Amino acid sequence: MAQSDRYFGVKREYNVPVPMRDGTVLRADVYRPDAPGEYPVLLCRTPYSKKLDGSVEMGEGHAANGYITVVQDVRGRYESDGAFRPGFYRADVNDAEDGYDTVEWAARLPGSTGRVGTFGNSYAGWTQWALAPTRPPSLTTMYASGIAANLLDRELSAVLRLGRVLWWSVNTLAPDARRRAGRTDGPLTVDDAQLIWEEQDRSKWLWYLPLLDLPDDVLSDIAPHFRYWLEDHTLDHFGFLEQHQQVNVPVLSVTGWYDQQIGTIKQFTGMSANGMTPHARANQKLIVGPWTHTAVDLHRSVGSVDFGPAAVRDYFAIADAWYRAWLKDDPSGIADWPPIQLFVMGANTWRGENEWPLARTQYTDFFLHSGGDANTPAGDGVLSRDPPTAEPPDRFTYDPRDPVMTLYSGPGQQEPHDQSALAHRRDILTYATPPLEKPLEVTGPITVQLWAASSARDTDFVVKLIDVWLDGFAQELCHGIVRARYRESYSEPTLIEPDAVYQYTIQMNPTSNCFKAGHRIRLDISSSDFPNFDRNHNTGRDDYADATLVTARQTVFHDHARPSHVTLPVIPR
């Protein structure tokens, strides 16, 4: 509903102290409906400042809909006491206990009905899942968006999402850490940090080698946490998949096809299968739109693509329907919700589904073909359902000093942009179908089987699924990456033998797209996508501790014995 349609005026209380069990005091802003009566409570715990415009918008919007709304600075951030330890970087954090204590404190607020729901995107989604297994008695439901169930579903193949992670650390976390420490060796506000990143430093820290030697003044007191993560990067610090069996509340999970945290889908599937109680398992819902990593701004245009008016959703209307059901005993707003609402790109329509992956999926192999010259879209690469016979391999050179550059947002968020900007690069192999005679829908998880060799002891292979429009616009739908040393195990990595052929399984992010008649399905293969992923140095050494860069000669095979292919989840029409 629009702002003018909401029910209540809003009263505000700032910096309300919230005592934790260890004596640390956290602080929250409390937004109240300006009307007598009792109301359920909504809680968001954030490291991004409760005074941020987005936090204020959520606080006021939810309160106007009839909820006492609490927005709290997590431990060690902004107005809250204590030491901050980023949950994305490490497991030894206080957020489970702090979350429990805050939920029960919120339930006892004057005017509270005693029922508490939580909300928030990204890190504020993480704080919800961190507290959920503690089962505070007053916690009744969660609306957790943009947070993967497993960290390695975000850091694909244990490859650092450098562009997003470093931008986030330098521009979002470091300024407040610097301010709290009383340091003057860098920007003290997020706005100043972003301005310096864009206009003065011009993203130079993305290219700095080795990453473990980034100057302390760049990351301030966040530096030890960042280095801790680099040295322990192959572990799932989230652990939510194992904790679902301890969670006993309904959860609404929301994400987007261009969300780096698309692994949010596994929160839904994990809770539906393994939630603690039948009540929890039966009341999980999932919404996946054509969006990037966002909470409130559920718009129709993302990157260079307009997905039409149907893509627009009202965050506050969705949230109010959900919370009314579980906090106000009014399920009418969600009575007709299917378990899954997903947006089919290309067709640009919403559709209800009952399970993920879809039971009617026809997993279909599309094989790579060429005469040995699949380099660039002007080459002879073809994608076909016909298995290959005797075909020469394709070759390219990967130079980490000149990586394939990511087309995405300045802050490192994924967006659909025209991949034609990279069409000149001969270090990208391109395989495309002929124009489709009729529409073909692909919805679900996507896997690539790739037979390849490298002159290096370690290297990466990156794959992108692309929808080529009638006018030549090349829309990236999803991507995947494999780091050769982790091809078999994250815990026991092994290097490869130079020029030996290996079969790599590359799990791509899921998508939902209807390739229209006349469009072409395309698979691009390269060895870099920088700075979306950090560069493999091709040396076999620790890329985070060593600055040496080596060129690698890559060979991709597609013949009868080595039939490289992508398996697409085709949905029959």
Protein backbone atom coordinates (compact mmCIF):
# COMPACT_ATOMS: atom_id res chain seq x y z
CA MET A 1 0.00 0.00 0.00
CA ALA A 2 1.15 3.55 -0.60
CA GLN A 3 2.30 5.78 2.27
CA SER A 4 -0.99 7.69 2.24
CA ASP A 5 -2.92 4.44 2.64
CA ARG A 6 -1.25 3.42 5.87
CA TYR A 7 -3.20 3.53 9.05
CA PHE A 8 -1.28 5.33 11.78
CA GLY A 9 0.88 8.30 12.53
CA VAL A 10 4.21 7.37 14.04
CA LYS A 11 5.91 8.23 17.36
CA ARG A 12 9.67 7.71 17.77
CA GLU A 13 12.03 6.99 20.65
CA TYR A 14 15.75 7.22 19.94
CA ASN A 15 18.71 5.32 21.40
CA VAL A 16 16.66 3.23 23.79
CA PRO A 17 19.12 1.10 25.86
CA VAL A 18 18.82 -2.69 25.52
CA PRO A 19 20.87 -4.60 28.14
CA MET A 20 22.45 -7.89 27.11
CA ARG A 21 23.09 -10.84 29.43
CA ASP A 22 26.80 -9.97 29.72
CA GLY A 23 26.06 -6.37 30.73
CA THR A 24 26.77 -4.83 27.32
CA VAL A 25 24.24 -2.18 26.35
CA LEU A 26 22.95 -2.08 22.78
CA ARG A 27 20.75 0.75 21.55
CA ALA A 28 17.66 0.84 19.41
CA ASP A 29 15.25 3.30 17.87
CA VAL A 30 11.63 2.41 18.56
CA TYR A 31 8.82 3.46 16.20
CA ARG A 32 5.26 3.24 17.55
CA PRO A 33 1.81 3.64 16.02
CA ASP A 34 0.49 6.95 17.35
CA ALA A 35 -2.72 5.48 18.68
CA PRO A 36 -3.79 3.73 21.89
CA GLY A 37 -3.79 -0.05 22.08
CA GLU A 38 -1.43 -2.98 22.04
CA TYR A 39 0.60 -3.98 18.97
CA PRO A 40 2.93 -6.78 17.98
CA VAL A 41 6.62 -5.93 17.66
CA LEU A 42 8.88 -6.11 14.62
CA LEU A 43 12.65 -6.20 15.13
CA CYS A 44 15.58 -5.50 12.81
CA ARG A 45 19.20 -5.83 13.99
CA THR A 46 21.61 -4.06 11.64
CA PRO A 47 25.32 -3.16 11.40
CA TYR A 48 24.52 -0.31 8.97
CA SER A 49 23.18 2.28 11.43
CA LYS A 50 19.62 2.45 12.61
CA LYS A 51 19.64 6.07 11.40
CA LEU A 52 20.33 5.08 7.78
CA ASP A 53 17.60 6.28 5.43
CA GLY A 54 16.55 2.72 4.63
CA SER A 55 16.34 1.80 8.31
CA VAL A 56 14.21 4.85 9.05
CA GLU A 57 11.95 4.08 6.09
CA MET A 58 11.36 0.57 7.36
CA GLY A 59 10.82 1.70 10.93
CA GLU A 60 8.26 4.31 9.95
CA GLY A 61 6.58 2.14 7.32
CA HIS A 62 6.02 -0.84 9.60
CA ALA A 63 4.86 1.35 12.49
CA ALA A 64 2.38 3.07 10.20
CA ASN A 65 0.94 -0.36 9.45
CA GLY A 66 0.33 -1.08 13.12
CA TYR A 67 3.50 -2.58 14.55
CA ILE A 68 5.87 -1.39 17.25
CA THR A 69 9.09 -1.44 15.25
CA VAL A 70 12.56 -1.76 16.78
CA VAL A 71 15.69 -1.04 14.72
CA GLN A 72 18.84 -1.84 16.68
CA ASP A 73 22.54 -1.24 16.07
CA VAL A 74 24.26 -4.59 16.57
CA ARG A 75 27.03 -4.95 19.13
CA GLY A 76 29.98 -2.68 18.43
CA ARG A 77 28.32 -0.61 15.71
CA TYR A 78 27.23 3.03 15.81
CA GLU A 79 25.39 3.70 19.10
CA SER A 80 25.73 0.21 20.60
CA ASP A 81 28.47 -0.72 23.04
CA GLY A 82 30.83 -3.68 22.80
CA ALA A 83 33.17 -5.03 20.14
CA PHE A 84 31.98 -5.78 16.62
CA ARG A 85 32.88 -9.11 15.02
CA PRO A 86 31.42 -9.46 11.50
CA GLY A 87 29.29 -12.56 11.21
CA PHE A 88 30.05 -12.83 7.50
CA TYR A 89 33.73 -13.25 8.34
CA ARG A 90 33.77 -15.54 11.34
CA ALA A 91 31.69 -17.85 13.53
CA ASP A 92 32.76 -16.64 17.01
CA VAL A 93 30.17 -13.87 17.34
CA ASN A 94 27.56 -12.78 19.90
CA ASP A 95 24.58 -12.38 17.60
CA ALA A 96 22.69 -15.50 18.66
CA GLU A 97 22.64 -14.47 22.31
CA ASP A 98 22.19 -10.77 21.53
CA GLY A 99 19.31 -11.61 19.21
CA TYR A 100 17.59 -13.76 21.84
CA ASP A 101 17.95 -11.10 24.51
CA THR A 102 16.67 -8.37 22.20
CA VAL A 103 13.61 -10.37 21.12
CA GLU A 104 12.60 -10.96 24.73
CA TRP A 105 13.29 -7.33 25.64
CA ALA A 106 11.14 -6.20 22.70
CA ALA A 107 8.30 -8.50 23.76
CA ARG A 108 8.17 -6.70 27.14
CA LEU A 109 7.98 -3.19 25.70
CA PRO A 110 5.01 -1.12 26.94
CA GLY A 111 2.10 -1.58 24.55
CA SER A 112 3.44 -4.87 23.14
CA THR A 113 1.19 -7.87 22.65
CA GLY A 114 4.20 -10.06 23.43
CA ARG A 115 4.49 -11.39 19.88
CA VAL A 116 7.67 -10.55 17.97
CA GLY A 117 8.52 -10.87 14.29
CA THR A 118 11.85 -10.05 12.69
CA PHE A 119 12.74 -8.44 9.36
CA GLY A 120 15.73 -7.35 7.32
CA ASN A 121 17.81 -7.97 4.23
CA SER A 122 21.38 -9.22 3.79
CA TYR A 123 23.26 -8.83 7.09
CA ALA A 124 19.95 -8.02 8.78
CA GLY A 125 18.73 -11.33 7.34
CA TRP A 126 21.82 -13.02 8.73
CA THR A 127 21.14 -11.67 12.23
CA GLN A 128 17.67 -13.25 12.06
CA TRP A 129 18.99 -16.68 11.15
CA ALA A 130 21.72 -16.35 13.78
CA LEU A 131 19.15 -15.95 16.56
CA ALA A 132 16.49 -18.31 15.17
CA PRO A 133 17.99 -21.59 16.54
CA THR A 134 17.99 -20.11 20.08
CA ARG A 135 14.18 -20.08 19.90
CA PRO A 136 13.31 -17.08 22.09
CA PRO A 137 9.79 -17.80 23.39
CA SER A 138 8.35 -14.56 21.99
CA LEU A 139 9.69 -15.06 18.44
CA THR A 140 6.67 -15.83 16.26
CA THR A 141 7.81 -15.36 12.65
CA MET A 142 10.61 -14.04 10.41
CA TYR A 143 10.81 -12.18 7.10
CA ALA A 144 14.43 -12.80 6.12
CA SER A 145 15.58 -11.71 2.67
CA GLY A 146 18.81 -11.78 0.74
CA ILE A 147 20.80 -14.20 2.90
CA ALA A 148 22.16 -17.54 1.71
CA ALA A 149 21.84 -20.64 3.86
CA ASN A 150 25.45 -21.61 3.13
CA LEU A 151 28.25 -19.07 2.71
CA LEU A 152 29.77 -21.17 -0.08
CA ASP A 153 26.59 -20.72 -2.12
CA ARG A 154 27.64 -17.09 -2.24
CA GLU A 155 31.41 -17.51 -2.44
CA LEU A 156 31.02 -19.99 -5.29
CA SER A 157 33.71 -22.70 -5.33
CA ALA A 158 35.24 -20.87 -2.34
CA VAL A 159 36.24 -18.00 -4.64
CA LEU A 160 36.17 -14.61 -2.96
CA ARG A 161 33.48 -12.22 -4.21
CA LEU A 162 36.14 -9.54 -4.12
CA GLY A 163 34.22 -6.69 -5.75
CA ARG A 164 31.36 -6.85 -3.28
CA VAL A 165 33.29 -7.94 -0.19
CA LEU A 166 36.07 -5.36 -0.42
CA TRP A 167 33.68 -2.53 -1.34
CA TRP A 168 31.50 -3.51 1.63
CA SER A 169 34.44 -3.75 4.02
CA VAL A 170 36.15 -0.50 2.98
CA ASN A 171 33.09 1.67 2.45
CA THR A 172 30.44 0.26 4.78
CA LEU A 173 32.18 -1.35 7.75
CA ALA A 174 35.48 0.50 8.07
CA PRO A 175 34.26 4.12 8.54
CA ASP A 176 32.34 3.42 11.75
CA ALA A 177 35.12 1.15 13.03
CA ARG A 178 37.58 3.98 12.39
CA ARG A 179 35.33 6.52 14.12
CA ARG A 180 34.82 4.34 17.19
CA ALA A 181 38.58 3.75 17.49
CA GLY A 182 39.24 7.49 17.39
CA ARG A 183 41.36 7.18 14.27
CA THR A 184 41.81 9.96 11.73
CA ASP A 185 43.64 8.04 8.98
CA GLY A 186 40.61 7.75 6.70
CA PRO A 187 36.93 8.60 6.15
CA LEU A 188 34.62 8.48 9.14
CA THR A 189 31.31 8.24 7.27
CA VAL A 190 29.97 5.91 4.62
CA ASP A 191 29.29 8.77 2.21
CA ASP A 192 32.86 10.07 2.49
CA ALA A 193 34.28 6.57 2.06
CA GLN A 194 32.27 5.93 -1.09
CA LEU A 195 33.29 9.29 -2.55
CA ILE A 196 36.97 8.54 -1.97
CA TRP A 197 36.56 5.03 -3.45
CA GLU A 198 34.94 6.38 -6.61
CA GLU A 199 36.77 9.67 -7.22
CA GLN A 200 40.13 9.48 -5.49
CA ASP A 201 41.15 5.84 -5.17
CA ARG A 202 39.04 4.84 -8.20
CA SER A 203 38.66 1.26 -6.96
CA LYS A 204 42.44 0.74 -6.92
CA TRP A 205 42.30 -1.53 -3.87
CA LEU A 206 40.59 -4.22 -5.95
CA TRP A 207 43.88 -4.62 -7.83
CA TYR A 208 46.13 -4.61 -4.78
CA LEU A 209 48.38 -7.65 -4.34
CA PRO A 210 48.62 -9.58 -2.19
CA LEU A 211 45.29 -9.00 -0.50
CA LEU A 212 46.62 -10.02 2.90
CA ASP A 213 48.96 -7.01 2.75
CA LEU A 214 46.27 -4.39 2.21
CA PRO A 215 47.37 -1.33 4.22
CA ASP A 216 45.80 -1.17 7.68
CA ASP A 217 44.47 2.33 7.13
CA VAL A 218 42.26 1.08 4.24
CA LEU A 219 40.23 -1.28 6.42
CA SER A 220 40.93 0.23 9.85
CA ASP A 221 39.85 -2.11 12.67
CA ILE A 222 38.03 -4.35 10.16
CA ALA A 223 41.42 -5.47 8.77
CA PRO A 224 41.97 -8.35 11.24
CA HIS A 225 38.53 -9.77 10.45
CA PHE A 226 39.08 -9.47 6.69
CA ARG A 227 42.42 -11.28 6.96
CA TYR A 228 40.89 -13.94 9.16
CA TRP A 229 38.39 -14.67 6.39
CA LEU A 230 41.05 -14.80 3.68
CA GLU A 231 43.02 -17.33 5.71
CA ASP A 232 39.94 -19.46 6.38
CA HIS A 233 37.91 -18.91 3.26
CA THR A 234 36.73 -22.43 2.43
CA LEU A 235 34.48 -22.89 5.46
CA ASP A 236 30.78 -22.20 5.70
CA HIS A 237 30.74 -19.72 8.58
CA PHE A 238 26.94 -19.48 8.35
CA GLY A 239 25.97 -23.08 9.13
CA PHE A 240 22.27 -22.37 8.70
CA LEU A 241 21.53 -25.60 6.83
CA GLU A 242 22.53 -27.58 9.91
CA GLN A 243 20.52 -25.28 12.19
CA HIS A 244 17.17 -25.46 10.38
CA GLN A 245 16.16 -28.42 12.52
CA GLN A 246 16.34 -26.12 15.55
CA VAL A 247 14.07 -23.40 14.10
CA ASN A 248 10.35 -23.54 14.91
CA VAL A 249 8.72 -20.50 13.27
CA PRO A 250 7.21 -19.67 9.86
CA VAL A 251 9.65 -17.81 7.62
CA LEU A 252 9.11 -15.73 4.50
CA SER A 253 12.29 -15.88 2.39
CA VAL A 254 12.72 -13.32 -0.41
CA THR A 255 15.49 -13.01 -2.99
CA GLY A 256 16.11 -12.10 -6.63
CA TRP A 257 17.56 -13.88 -9.64
CA TYR A 258 20.36 -11.28 -9.64
CA ASP A 259 20.94 -11.46 -5.90
CA GLN A 260 24.42 -12.71 -4.97
CA GLN A 261 22.58 -14.27 -2.04
CA ILE A 262 20.32 -16.35 -4.31
CA GLY A 263 21.25 -19.21 -1.96
CA THR A 264 18.35 -17.79 0.10
CA ILE A 265 16.33 -20.43 -1.77
CA LYS A 266 17.96 -23.08 0.43
CA GLN A 267 16.54 -21.38 3.52
CA PHE A 268 13.11 -22.23 2.13
CA THR A 269 13.93 -25.77 0.99
CA GLY A 270 15.93 -26.50 4.15
CA MET A 271 13.20 -25.33 6.49
CA SER A 272 10.45 -27.04 4.46
CA ALA A 273 12.27 -30.36 4.83
CA ASN A 274 14.01 -30.02 8.18
CA GLY A 275 12.29 -27.37 10.27
CA MET A 276 11.90 -28.31 13.92
CA THR A 277 8.11 -28.74 13.96
CA PRO A 278 5.34 -29.63 11.52
CA HIS A 279 4.06 -26.07 11.99
CA ALA A 280 7.38 -24.62 10.88
CA ARG A 281 7.85 -27.04 7.98
CA ALA A 282 4.35 -26.41 6.62
CA ASN A 283 4.52 -22.62 6.77
CA GLN A 284 7.58 -21.65 4.78
CA LYS A 285 7.13 -19.29 1.82
CA LEU A 286 9.53 -18.12 -0.89
CA ILE A 287 9.38 -15.15 -3.27
CA VAL A 288 11.98 -14.82 -6.06
CA GLY A 289 11.74 -11.77 -8.30
CA PRO A 290 13.88 -10.34 -11.12
CA TRP A 291 15.74 -8.19 -8.61
CA THR A 292 19.24 -7.67 -7.36
CA HIS A 293 20.31 -7.58 -3.69
CA THR A 294 17.58 -5.37 -2.26
CA ALA A 295 14.88 -5.30 0.39
CA VAL A 296 12.40 -2.47 -0.20
CA ASP A 297 13.15 -1.40 -3.78
CA LEU A 298 11.41 -4.21 -5.66
CA HIS A 299 11.45 -2.40 -9.00
CA ARG A 300 10.84 -3.34 -12.63
CA SER A 301 14.21 -2.11 -13.98
CA VAL A 302 17.44 -3.81 -12.92
CA GLY A 303 20.69 -2.97 -14.64
CA SER A 304 19.93 -2.58 -18.35
CA VAL A 305 16.70 -4.61 -18.38
CA ASP A 306 13.11 -3.48 -17.80
CA PHE A 307 11.11 -6.49 -16.64
CA GLY A 308 7.75 -4.78 -17.00
CA PRO A 309 5.10 -3.56 -14.56
CA ALA A 310 4.43 -7.03 -13.12
CA ALA A 311 7.92 -7.05 -11.60
CA VAL A 312 7.01 -4.23 -9.21
CA ARG A 313 6.05 -5.44 -5.72
CA ASP A 314 5.17 -3.39 -2.65
CA TYR A 315 7.45 -4.45 0.18
CA PHE A 316 5.25 -3.05 2.92
CA ALA A 317 2.13 -4.71 1.50
CA ILE A 318 3.92 -8.08 1.36
CA ALA A 319 5.27 -7.65 4.88
CA ASP A 320 1.94 -6.51 6.33
CA ALA A 321 0.11 -9.50 4.84
CA TRP A 322 2.73 -11.85 6.28
CA TYR A 323 2.85 -10.30 9.75
CA ARG A 324 -0.94 -9.96 9.97
CA ALA A 325 -1.19 -13.71 9.53
CA TRP A 326 1.26 -14.64 12.27
CA LEU A 327 1.15 -11.66 14.65
CA LYS A 328 -2.48 -10.48 14.34
CA ASP A 329 -4.30 -13.76 13.61
CA ASP A 330 -5.52 -12.51 10.23
CA PRO A 331 -4.36 -14.98 7.54
CA SER A 332 -6.59 -13.56 4.81
CA GLY A 333 -3.74 -11.71 3.08
CA ILE A 334 -1.67 -14.86 2.54
CA ALA A 335 -4.46 -17.43 2.26
CA ASP A 336 -3.95 -17.82 -1.49
CA TRP A 337 -0.15 -17.66 -1.48
CA PRO A 338 1.44 -20.76 -2.99
CA PRO A 339 4.60 -22.04 -1.28
CA ILE A 340 6.68 -20.34 -3.99
CA GLN A 341 6.07 -17.19 -6.00
CA LEU A 342 8.63 -16.91 -8.79
CA PHE A 343 9.05 -14.43 -11.61
CA VAL A 344 9.74 -15.90 -15.04
CA MET A 345 11.98 -13.46 -16.86
CA GLY A 346 11.43 -13.11 -20.59
CA ALA A 347 7.75 -13.91 -20.12
CA ASN A 348 7.83 -11.26 -17.37
CA THR A 349 5.09 -12.92 -15.33
CA TRP A 350 4.70 -14.34 -11.83
CA ARG A 351 3.83 -17.96 -11.27
CA GLY A 352 3.01 -20.02 -8.20
CA GLU A 353 4.86 -23.28 -7.56
CA ASN A 354 4.75 -25.94 -4.86
CA GLU A 355 8.36 -27.16 -4.68
CA TRP A 356 11.93 -26.43 -5.69
CA PRO A 357 13.27 -27.63 -8.05
CA LEU A 358 10.01 -27.96 -9.99
CA ALA A 359 8.79 -31.57 -10.14
CA ARG A 360 7.98 -31.35 -13.85
CA THR A 361 11.50 -30.25 -14.83
CA GLN A 362 13.02 -31.95 -17.88
CA TYR A 363 16.78 -31.76 -17.39
CA THR A 364 18.16 -31.33 -20.89
CA ASP A 365 21.80 -31.45 -22.02
CA PHE A 366 23.04 -28.83 -24.48
CA PHE A 367 26.47 -29.76 -25.86
CA LEU A 368 29.39 -27.58 -26.92
CA HIS A 369 30.48 -27.76 -30.57
CA SER A 370 33.01 -25.93 -32.73
CA GLY A 371 35.64 -26.32 -35.38
CA GLY A 372 38.24 -25.10 -32.92
CA ASP A 373 37.50 -21.37 -33.14
CA ALA A 374 34.78 -20.56 -30.59
CA ASN A 375 36.60 -17.43 -29.45
CA THR A 376 34.22 -14.40 -29.41
CA PRO A 377 30.58 -14.42 -30.58
CA ALA A 378 31.88 -14.17 -34.16
CA GLY A 379 33.54 -17.59 -33.84
CA ASP A 380 32.16 -20.99 -34.80
CA GLY A 381 30.94 -22.12 -31.36
CA VAL A 382 27.54 -23.83 -31.32
CA LEU A 383 25.29 -25.06 -28.50
CA SER A 384 23.16 -28.04 -29.49
CA ARG A 385 21.23 -30.98 -28.06
CA ASP A 386 23.23 -33.24 -30.38
CA PRO A 387 26.21 -34.92 -28.65
CA PRO A 388 29.61 -34.14 -30.20
CA THR A 389 31.60 -36.60 -32.28
CA ALA A 390 35.17 -35.93 -33.43
CA GLU A 391 35.79 -32.21 -32.91
CA PRO A 392 38.94 -30.16 -32.23
CA PRO A 393 39.15 -28.41 -28.84
CA ASP A 394 39.00 -24.68 -28.28
CA ARG A 395 41.85 -22.72 -26.75
CA PHE A 396 42.37 -19.36 -25.09
CA THR A 397 44.91 -17.61 -22.92
CA TYR A 398 44.05 -16.34 -19.46
CA ASP A 399 46.24 -13.50 -18.23
CA PRO A 400 45.33 -12.43 -14.67
CA ARG A 401 46.89 -9.03 -15.41
CA ASP A 402 44.15 -8.53 -18.02
CA PRO A 403 41.06 -10.30 -16.66
CA VAL A 404 37.59 -10.32 -18.16
CA MET A 405 35.88 -7.44 -16.38
CA THR A 406 32.54 -7.86 -14.63
CA LEU A 407 29.59 -5.81 -15.84
CA TYR A 408 27.72 -4.94 -12.67
CA SER A 409 26.97 -2.09 -10.25
CA GLY A 410 29.62 0.14 -8.70
CA PRO A 411 29.06 -1.30 -5.19
CA GLY A 412 29.54 -4.79 -6.59
CA GLN A 413 25.94 -5.94 -6.87
CA GLN A 414 24.94 -8.25 -9.70
CA GLU A 415 22.81 -6.78 -12.49
CA PRO A 416 21.91 -7.74 -16.07
CA HIS A 417 24.00 -5.74 -18.52
CA ASP A 418 24.72 -6.26 -22.22
CA GLN A 419 27.56 -8.79 -22.47
CA SER A 420 28.23 -7.51 -25.98
CA ALA A 421 30.63 -5.05 -24.35
CA LEU A 422 33.00 -8.03 -23.99
CA ALA A 423 32.51 -9.38 -27.52
CA HIS A 424 36.03 -8.41 -28.65
CA ARG A 425 37.80 -10.56 -26.08
CA ARG A 426 39.38 -13.74 -27.44
CA ASP A 427 39.74 -15.14 -23.91
CA ILE A 428 36.01 -15.86 -23.89
CA LEU A 429 34.69 -18.95 -25.68
CA THR A 430 31.13 -18.55 -26.92
CA TYR A 431 28.66 -21.31 -27.80
CA ALA A 432 25.13 -20.40 -28.94
CA THR A 433 22.09 -22.15 -30.34
CA PRO A 434 20.54 -21.05 -33.62
CA PRO A 435 17.55 -18.73 -33.15
CA LEU A 436 14.85 -20.67 -31.34
CA GLU A 437 11.81 -21.65 -33.37
CA LYS A 438 9.55 -21.51 -30.32
CA PRO A 439 9.86 -20.25 -26.72
CA LEU A 440 11.79 -22.37 -24.23
CA GLU A 441 11.57 -21.90 -20.47
CA VAL A 442 14.52 -22.65 -18.19
CA THR A 443 13.70 -22.59 -14.47
CA GLY A 444 15.84 -24.19 -11.80
CA PRO A 445 19.41 -25.16 -10.95
CA ILE A 446 21.95 -25.35 -13.80
CA THR A 447 25.06 -27.49 -14.04
CA VAL A 448 27.98 -27.50 -16.48
CA GLN A 449 30.19 -30.52 -17.12
CA LEU A 450 33.43 -29.20 -18.55
CA TRP A 451 36.42 -31.19 -19.79
CA ALA A 452 39.41 -28.87 -19.77
CA ALA A 453 43.17 -28.64 -19.41
CA SER A 454 45.46 -25.83 -18.29
CA SER A 455 49.16 -25.12 -18.41
CA ALA A 456 48.88 -23.94 -14.78
CA ARG A 457 48.93 -25.80 -11.46
CA ASP A 458 45.73 -24.02 -10.44
CA THR A 459 43.27 -21.92 -12.42
CA ASP A 460 39.61 -20.97 -12.71
CA PHE A 461 36.88 -21.67 -15.24
CA VAL A 462 33.91 -19.29 -15.36
CA VAL A 463 30.64 -19.98 -17.16
CA LYS A 464 27.77 -17.61 -17.97
CA LEU A 465 24.32 -18.45 -19.31
CA ILE A 466 23.12 -15.71 -21.67
CA ASP A 467 19.87 -14.86 -23.46
CA VAL A 468 20.71 -13.26 -26.83
CA TRP A 469 17.82 -11.05 -27.94
CA LEU A 470 16.69 -10.39 -31.50
CA ASP A 471 18.54 -7.07 -31.53
CA GLY A 472 21.76 -8.69 -30.26
CA PHE A 473 21.43 -7.60 -26.63
CA ALA A 474 23.17 -10.31 -24.59
CA GLN A 475 21.51 -10.63 -21.18
CA GLU A 476 23.50 -12.56 -18.60
CA LEU A 477 21.12 -14.74 -16.63
CA CYS A 478 23.43 -16.49 -14.19
CA HIS A 479 27.00 -17.64 -13.75
CA GLY A 480 29.21 -20.20 -12.04
CA ILE A 481 32.89 -20.74 -11.33
CA VAL A 482 35.20 -23.57 -10.36
CA ARG A 483 38.62 -23.12 -8.80
CA ALA A 484 40.64 -26.12 -9.93
CA ARG A 485 42.21 -26.85 -6.56
CA TYR A 486 38.72 -27.20 -5.04
CA ARG A 487 37.30 -29.40 -7.80
CA GLU A 488 37.04 -32.39 -5.43
CA SER A 489 37.17 -30.95 -1.92
CA TYR A 490 37.25 -27.64 -0.09
CA SER A 491 38.90 -29.13 2.98
CA GLU A 492 41.57 -31.07 1.07
CA PRO A 493 42.43 -29.04 -2.05
CA THR A 494 44.69 -30.57 -4.69
CA LEU A 495 46.51 -28.88 -7.52
CA ILE A 496 46.21 -30.05 -11.10
CA GLU A 497 48.90 -31.44 -13.40
CA PRO A 498 49.75 -28.99 -16.18
CA ASP A 499 48.14 -29.94 -19.51
CA ALA A 500 46.29 -32.89 -17.98
CA VAL A 501 42.57 -33.13 -18.82
CA TYR A 502 40.09 -32.93 -15.93
CA GLN A 503 36.34 -33.10 -15.79
CA TYR A 504 34.95 -30.16 -13.83
CA THR A 505 31.44 -29.93 -12.43
CA ILE A 506 30.37 -26.28 -12.24
CA GLN A 507 27.21 -25.46 -10.33
CA MET A 508 25.68 -22.26 -11.69
CA ASN A 509 23.29 -20.03 -9.83
CA PRO A 510 19.65 -20.91 -10.56
CA THR A 511 17.45 -18.80 -12.78
CA SER A 512 14.02 -18.60 -14.37
CA ASN A 513 13.85 -17.31 -17.92
CA CYS A 514 11.71 -17.84 -20.98
CA PHE A 515 13.90 -17.64 -24.08
CA LYS A 516 11.56 -16.18 -26.67
CA ALA A 517 11.22 -17.38 -30.24
CA GLY A 518 14.06 -15.92 -32.26
CA HIS A 519 16.32 -15.59 -29.20
CA ARG A 520 19.44 -17.71 -28.79
CA ILE A 521 20.71 -19.60 -25.74
CA ARG A 522 24.39 -18.92 -25.20
CA LEU A 523 27.07 -20.29 -22.89
CA ASP A 524 30.26 -18.27 -22.41
CA ILE A 525 33.39 -19.83 -20.93
CA SER A 526 36.40 -17.92 -19.66
CA SER A 527 38.78 -18.01 -16.70
CA SER A 528 37.96 -14.71 -15.03
CA ASP A 529 35.10 -12.47 -14.00
CA PHE A 530 36.85 -9.69 -12.13
CA PRO A 531 36.16 -8.17 -9.69
CA ASN A 532 32.98 -10.19 -9.18
CA PHE A 533 35.45 -12.96 -8.30
CA ASP A 534 39.07 -12.47 -7.33
CA ARG A 535 41.72 -13.44 -9.87
CA ASN A 536 43.34 -16.86 -9.84
CA HIS A 537 47.10 -16.21 -10.08
CA ASN A 538 47.65 -19.56 -11.83
CA THR A 539 50.64 -20.36 -9.59
CA GLY A 540 49.16 -22.93 -7.25
CA ARG A 541 50.35 -20.87 -4.28
CA ASP A 542 48.21 -18.90 -1.82
CA ASP A 543 46.74 -16.17 -4.03
CA TYR A 544 45.96 -14.02 -1.00
CA ALA A 545 49.54 -14.09 0.31
CA ASP A 546 51.51 -14.09 -2.95
CA ALA A 547 51.60 -11.37 -5.62
CA THR A 548 52.99 -13.43 -8.50
CA LEU A 549 50.78 -13.60 -11.61
CA VAL A 550 51.30 -16.25 -14.32
CA THR A 551 49.59 -16.59 -17.70
CA ALA A 552 47.72 -19.85 -18.31
CA ARG A 553 46.97 -21.57 -21.62
CA GLN A 554 43.48 -23.11 -21.43
CA THR A 555 41.97 -25.88 -23.55
CA VAL A 556 38.29 -26.84 -23.58
CA PHE A 557 37.34 -30.23 -25.06
CA HIS A 558 34.06 -31.24 -26.65
CA ASP A 559 34.25 -34.58 -28.40
CA HIS A 560 32.72 -38.04 -28.07
CA ALA A 561 34.89 -39.01 -25.08
CA ARG A 562 34.77 -35.56 -23.47
CA PRO A 563 31.29 -34.15 -24.20
CA SER A 564 31.32 -30.79 -22.42
CA HIS A 565 27.76 -29.61 -21.90
CA VAL A 566 25.36 -27.53 -19.84
CA THR A 567 22.31 -29.19 -18.29
CA LEU A 568 19.32 -26.85 -18.41
CA PRO A 569 16.15 -27.32 -16.35
CA VAL A 570 13.61 -27.09 -19.16
CA ILE A 571 9.99 -26.58 -18.12
CA PRO A 572 7.49 -28.08 -20.58
CA ARG A 573 4.89 -25.64 -21.86
